[in-house]
Protein backbone atom coordinates (compact mmCIF):
# COMPACT_ATOMS: atom_id res chain seq x y z
CA UNK A 1 263.65 20.91 81.05
CA UNK A 2 265.06 19.20 84.14
CA UNK A 3 262.80 17.28 86.50
CA UNK A 4 262.61 18.47 90.14
CA UNK A 5 264.55 16.32 92.61
CA UNK A 6 261.49 15.67 94.76
CA UNK A 7 259.65 14.28 91.73
CA UNK A 8 262.65 12.10 90.83
CA UNK A 9 262.76 10.64 94.33
CA UNK A 10 259.02 9.98 94.32
CA UNK A 11 259.33 8.36 90.90
CA UNK A 12 261.97 5.98 92.25
CA UNK A 13 259.78 5.03 95.22
CA UNK A 14 256.67 4.37 93.11
CA UNK A 15 258.41 2.43 90.36
CA UNK A 16 260.41 0.40 92.88
CA UNK A 17 257.17 -0.62 94.57
CA UNK A 18 255.47 -1.33 91.22
CA UNK A 19 258.35 -3.49 90.02
CA UNK A 20 257.97 -5.71 93.07
CA UNK A 21 254.27 -6.41 92.50
CA UNK A 22 253.10 -9.73 90.98
CA UNK A 23 253.20 -10.16 87.19
CA UNK A 24 249.42 -10.00 86.91
CA UNK A 25 249.54 -6.50 88.43
CA UNK A 26 252.08 -5.48 85.77
CA UNK A 27 249.78 -6.72 83.01
CA UNK A 28 246.75 -5.06 84.55
CA UNK A 29 248.58 -1.72 84.82
CA UNK A 30 249.92 -1.85 81.27
CA UNK A 31 246.54 -2.74 79.76
CA UNK A 32 244.53 -0.47 82.03
CA UNK A 33 246.56 2.64 81.32
CA UNK A 34 245.32 2.56 77.70
CA UNK A 35 242.02 0.71 78.10
CA UNK A 36 240.68 3.53 80.26
CA UNK A 37 240.80 5.80 77.23
CA UNK A 38 238.44 3.43 75.40
CA UNK A 39 236.03 3.62 78.31
CA UNK A 40 235.88 7.39 77.89
CA UNK A 41 235.02 6.90 74.21
CA UNK A 42 232.10 4.69 75.28
CA UNK A 43 230.98 7.34 77.78
CA UNK A 44 231.10 10.03 75.10
CA UNK A 45 228.82 7.88 72.94
CA UNK A 46 226.49 7.25 75.89
CA UNK A 47 226.34 10.98 76.57
CA UNK A 48 225.36 11.66 72.95
CA UNK A 49 222.63 8.99 73.07
CA UNK A 50 221.28 10.36 76.35
CA UNK A 51 221.17 13.91 74.96
CA UNK A 52 218.98 12.85 72.00
CA UNK A 53 215.97 13.27 74.26
CA UNK A 54 217.16 16.52 75.82
CA UNK A 55 217.22 20.16 74.77
CA UNK A 56 219.65 21.74 72.30
CA UNK A 57 222.10 22.92 74.98
CA UNK A 58 222.41 19.43 76.46
CA UNK A 59 223.06 17.96 73.01
CA UNK A 60 225.52 20.76 72.25
CA UNK A 61 227.52 19.95 75.39
CA UNK A 62 227.49 16.24 74.56
CA UNK A 63 228.88 16.97 71.10
CA UNK A 64 231.41 19.48 72.45
CA UNK A 65 232.82 17.07 75.06
CA UNK A 66 235.16 15.05 72.78
CA UNK A 67 236.19 18.21 70.94
CA UNK A 68 237.07 19.83 74.26
CA UNK A 69 239.19 16.80 75.16
CA UNK A 70 241.08 17.11 71.87
CA UNK A 71 241.70 20.81 72.58
CA UNK A 72 243.23 19.90 75.94
CA UNK A 73 245.40 17.25 74.28
CA UNK A 74 246.69 19.77 71.71
CA UNK A 75 247.70 22.17 74.50
CA UNK A 76 249.58 19.33 76.19
CA UNK A 77 251.26 18.16 72.99
CA UNK A 78 252.44 21.65 72.04
CA UNK A 79 253.81 22.14 75.56
CA UNK A 80 255.74 18.86 75.36
CA UNK A 81 257.47 19.90 72.17
CA UNK A 82 258.43 23.26 73.64
CA UNK A 83 259.63 22.11 77.10
CA UNK A 84 261.33 18.86 76.01
CA UNK A 85 261.72 16.99 79.26
CA UNK A 86 263.39 13.58 78.86
CA UNK A 87 261.47 10.50 79.93
CA UNK A 88 262.40 9.26 83.42
CA UNK A 89 262.92 5.73 82.15
CA UNK A 90 265.99 7.11 80.31
CA UNK A 91 266.96 10.07 82.49
CA UNK A 92 266.95 8.41 85.93
CA UNK A 93 269.98 6.20 86.51
CA UNK A 94 269.01 2.66 87.48
CA UNK A 95 265.30 3.31 86.95
CA UNK A 96 263.05 0.27 86.74
CA UNK A 97 259.88 0.37 84.69
CA UNK A 98 257.11 -2.02 83.72
CA UNK A 99 256.13 -0.57 80.35
CA UNK A 100 258.54 -0.12 77.46
CA UNK A 101 260.23 3.27 77.47
CA UNK A 102 258.90 5.50 74.66
CA UNK A 103 261.25 6.37 71.82
CA UNK A 104 263.61 9.35 72.07
CA UNK A 105 261.86 12.58 71.13
CA UNK A 106 258.62 11.49 72.80
CA UNK A 107 258.91 13.99 75.63
CA UNK A 108 257.64 13.55 79.15
CA UNK A 109 256.16 16.83 80.45
CA UNK A 110 253.19 17.10 80.62
CA UNK A 111 251.63 13.66 80.37
CA UNK A 112 249.32 13.36 77.38
CA UNK A 113 247.56 10.36 78.93
CA UNK A 114 246.80 12.33 82.07
CA UNK A 115 245.61 15.30 80.01
CA UNK A 116 243.30 13.18 77.87
CA UNK A 117 241.90 11.34 80.88
CA UNK A 118 241.29 14.51 82.91
CA UNK A 119 239.98 16.43 79.89
CA UNK A 120 237.55 13.64 79.06
CA UNK A 121 236.34 13.44 82.65
CA UNK A 122 235.95 17.20 83.05
CA UNK A 123 234.06 17.59 79.75
CA UNK A 124 231.77 14.70 80.66
CA UNK A 125 231.00 16.23 84.05
CA UNK A 126 230.02 19.51 82.35
CA UNK A 127 227.72 17.67 79.94
CA UNK A 128 226.50 14.92 82.29
CA UNK A 129 227.07 15.74 85.95
CA UNK A 130 225.90 12.36 87.21
CA UNK A 131 229.04 10.72 85.78
CA UNK A 132 231.37 12.64 88.15
CA UNK A 133 231.69 9.84 90.77
CA UNK A 134 232.82 7.47 88.00
CA UNK A 135 234.93 9.53 85.62
CA UNK A 136 236.94 11.67 88.05
CA UNK A 137 238.42 8.74 90.04
CA UNK A 138 238.98 6.87 86.77
CA UNK A 139 240.93 9.81 85.34
CA UNK A 140 243.04 10.09 88.50
CA UNK A 141 243.78 6.35 88.41
CA UNK A 142 244.81 6.53 84.76
CA UNK A 143 247.11 9.47 85.48
CA UNK A 144 248.80 7.67 88.39
CA UNK A 145 249.18 4.53 86.32
CA UNK A 146 251.61 6.38 84.06
CA UNK A 147 254.00 6.74 86.99
CA UNK A 148 253.31 3.18 88.15
CA UNK A 149 254.42 1.71 84.80
CA UNK A 150 257.50 3.98 84.84
CA UNK A 151 257.05 6.26 81.82
CA UNK A 152 256.29 9.56 83.61
CA UNK A 153 257.36 11.55 86.63
CA UNK A 154 254.69 12.44 89.20
CA UNK A 155 254.86 16.13 88.23
CA UNK A 156 254.22 15.15 84.59
CA UNK A 157 250.88 13.59 85.40
CA UNK A 158 249.94 16.35 87.84
CA UNK A 159 250.52 18.98 85.15
CA UNK A 160 248.66 16.95 82.52
CA UNK A 161 245.72 16.48 84.88
CA UNK A 162 245.58 20.23 85.54
CA UNK A 163 245.68 21.04 81.81
CA UNK A 164 242.80 18.65 81.11
CA UNK A 165 240.68 19.94 83.99
CA UNK A 166 241.16 23.58 82.96
CA UNK A 167 241.13 23.54 79.16
CA UNK A 168 238.36 21.01 78.45
CA UNK A 169 235.51 22.56 80.51
CA UNK A 170 236.27 26.08 79.29
CA UNK A 171 236.37 24.86 75.69
CA UNK A 172 233.08 22.96 76.09
CA UNK A 173 231.27 25.97 77.56
CA UNK A 174 232.53 28.22 74.75
CA UNK A 175 231.68 25.73 72.01
CA UNK A 176 228.12 25.14 73.19
CA UNK A 177 227.23 28.75 72.36
CA UNK A 178 227.64 27.90 68.69
CA UNK A 179 226.65 24.24 68.96
CA UNK A 180 223.21 24.73 70.55
CA UNK A 181 221.74 26.91 67.73
CA UNK A 182 223.23 24.52 65.19
CA UNK A 183 221.52 21.58 66.93
CA UNK A 184 218.18 23.40 66.72
CA UNK A 185 218.57 23.88 62.96
CA UNK A 186 219.79 20.35 62.30
CA UNK A 187 216.91 18.82 64.22
CA UNK A 188 214.56 20.35 61.66
CA UNK A 189 216.25 18.28 58.94
CA UNK A 190 215.30 14.57 58.71
CA UNK A 191 218.90 13.30 58.82
CA UNK A 192 219.72 15.65 61.68
CA UNK A 193 216.70 14.50 63.65
CA UNK A 194 217.91 10.91 63.33
CA UNK A 195 221.39 11.74 64.62
CA UNK A 196 220.49 14.34 67.23
CA UNK A 197 216.96 13.30 68.14
CA UNK A 198 213.82 15.35 67.72
CA UNK A 199 213.31 18.59 69.58
CA UNK A 200 211.68 17.94 72.96
CA UNK A 201 207.94 18.58 72.94
CA UNK A 202 206.93 21.73 74.82
CA UNK A 203 204.03 21.98 77.29
CA UNK A 204 200.52 21.68 75.83
CA UNK A 205 198.94 25.09 75.23
CA UNK A 206 196.14 26.06 77.62
CA UNK A 207 192.82 26.84 75.89
CA UNK A 208 191.40 30.25 76.78
CA UNK A 209 187.86 28.91 76.45
CA UNK A 210 185.79 28.88 79.65
CA UNK A 211 184.68 25.29 80.08
CA UNK A 212 182.05 26.18 82.67
CA UNK A 213 180.38 23.77 85.01
CA UNK A 214 178.52 21.61 82.54
CA UNK A 215 178.50 20.62 78.90
CA UNK A 216 181.08 19.15 76.64
CA UNK A 217 184.77 19.98 77.35
CA UNK A 218 186.04 22.79 75.20
CA UNK A 219 182.58 24.11 74.31
CA UNK A 220 182.02 27.73 75.38
CA UNK A 221 179.29 28.30 77.92
CA UNK A 222 176.52 30.44 76.37
CA UNK A 223 175.99 33.92 77.74
CA UNK A 224 173.06 34.24 80.14
CA UNK A 225 170.96 37.48 80.26
CA UNK A 226 171.28 39.45 83.45
CA UNK A 227 167.63 39.16 84.28
CA UNK A 228 167.56 35.46 83.62
CA UNK A 229 170.63 34.96 85.76
CA UNK A 230 169.08 36.93 88.58
CA UNK A 231 165.87 35.02 88.21
CA UNK A 232 167.68 31.75 88.31
CA UNK A 233 169.43 32.80 91.46
CA UNK A 234 166.39 34.31 93.20
CA UNK A 235 163.53 32.14 91.93
CA UNK A 236 160.13 33.97 91.73
CA UNK A 237 161.39 37.01 93.59
CA UNK A 238 163.00 38.57 90.49
CA UNK A 239 163.00 42.38 90.37
CA UNK A 240 161.79 44.12 87.22
CA UNK A 241 163.66 47.05 85.73
CA UNK A 242 162.18 50.62 86.04
CA UNK A 243 160.90 52.41 82.96
CA UNK A 244 162.00 55.87 81.88
CA UNK A 245 159.25 57.55 83.82
CA UNK A 246 160.45 56.17 87.13
CA UNK A 247 157.43 53.87 87.57
CA UNK A 248 157.90 50.23 88.02
CA UNK A 249 155.96 48.10 85.60
CA UNK A 250 154.04 45.32 87.28
CA UNK A 251 154.40 46.78 90.80
CA UNK A 252 151.33 46.06 92.89
CA UNK A 253 149.00 48.93 93.80
CA UNK A 254 150.04 51.23 90.95
CA UNK A 255 148.01 51.78 87.80
CA UNK A 256 149.87 51.79 84.58
CA UNK A 257 150.77 55.21 83.17
CA UNK A 258 148.63 56.49 80.34
C-alpha cells in the first residue's frame, strides 16, 4: 500500500515542527505516547470498581470494555498484515523522527496505538459516560502523538481512530447481552460476589395492611360493626334497623307487635 501524497506532505510538516521542539518535548512525546495506554488500564479498573455497586448490565459493560478494545486491536492488526504499508520513517526520503523507527515488517496502516486508544475511550464511554470529557481528548492526543514522534502518517492514525471508535462500542454492546446474565449468576456465588459486588438491593416491599389512624404500625385495624360506626359518627341519634314486619323496634308512639 502506498501512502497518499497529501498525507506524506502533512507528515513532513508535522515531523519537521516536532524535530525543532526542545528536548524535553521529545521526551514527553515519547513517554506519553505509551504511558497513555497505562492510564486507560487504570480507568478500566476504576470502571470495574464503580460497577460493583451497580446493576448487572453496568457490570457487564465494565467487564466488556477491555475485551472490546482487544477486538478493535485485532481488526487493526489483521488489516496491517494484509495492507502492508511501509513506515514513513523509512519510506519518506529525508524524514526526521523523534522515536526509533520500528523494525521492518511492522507495518504502518492503520495505527495500532490509535486503535487501542480510541477503542479504549469508546468502550469506556459506553460503560461510563461521565468519562467522555477525559478519555476522548486523551485518545485523540495519543493518536496525534504517533505522527509527532514520526512513526505514522496522519492517515494511519485517522484510520486507527475510526476502527477503534466503530469496533469497540459495537463489540461491547453485543457482549453485554451474554455478560449481564452471567454477572447475575456469579453474584450468587461467594467468590463472584467479592469480585463483582453484591446485587443491588431492590425497593422495600409495601405492606398491604391498613395501618389506620391509631395503634401500633403494621397492626390491622379491627373491623367496626356498621351500627357501631354509625353510632360513633352520629352520637345518640343512631337509627335502629326495621324488623321483618316493617315496624321499627323502639320507635316512640308504637306498641310492640304481639
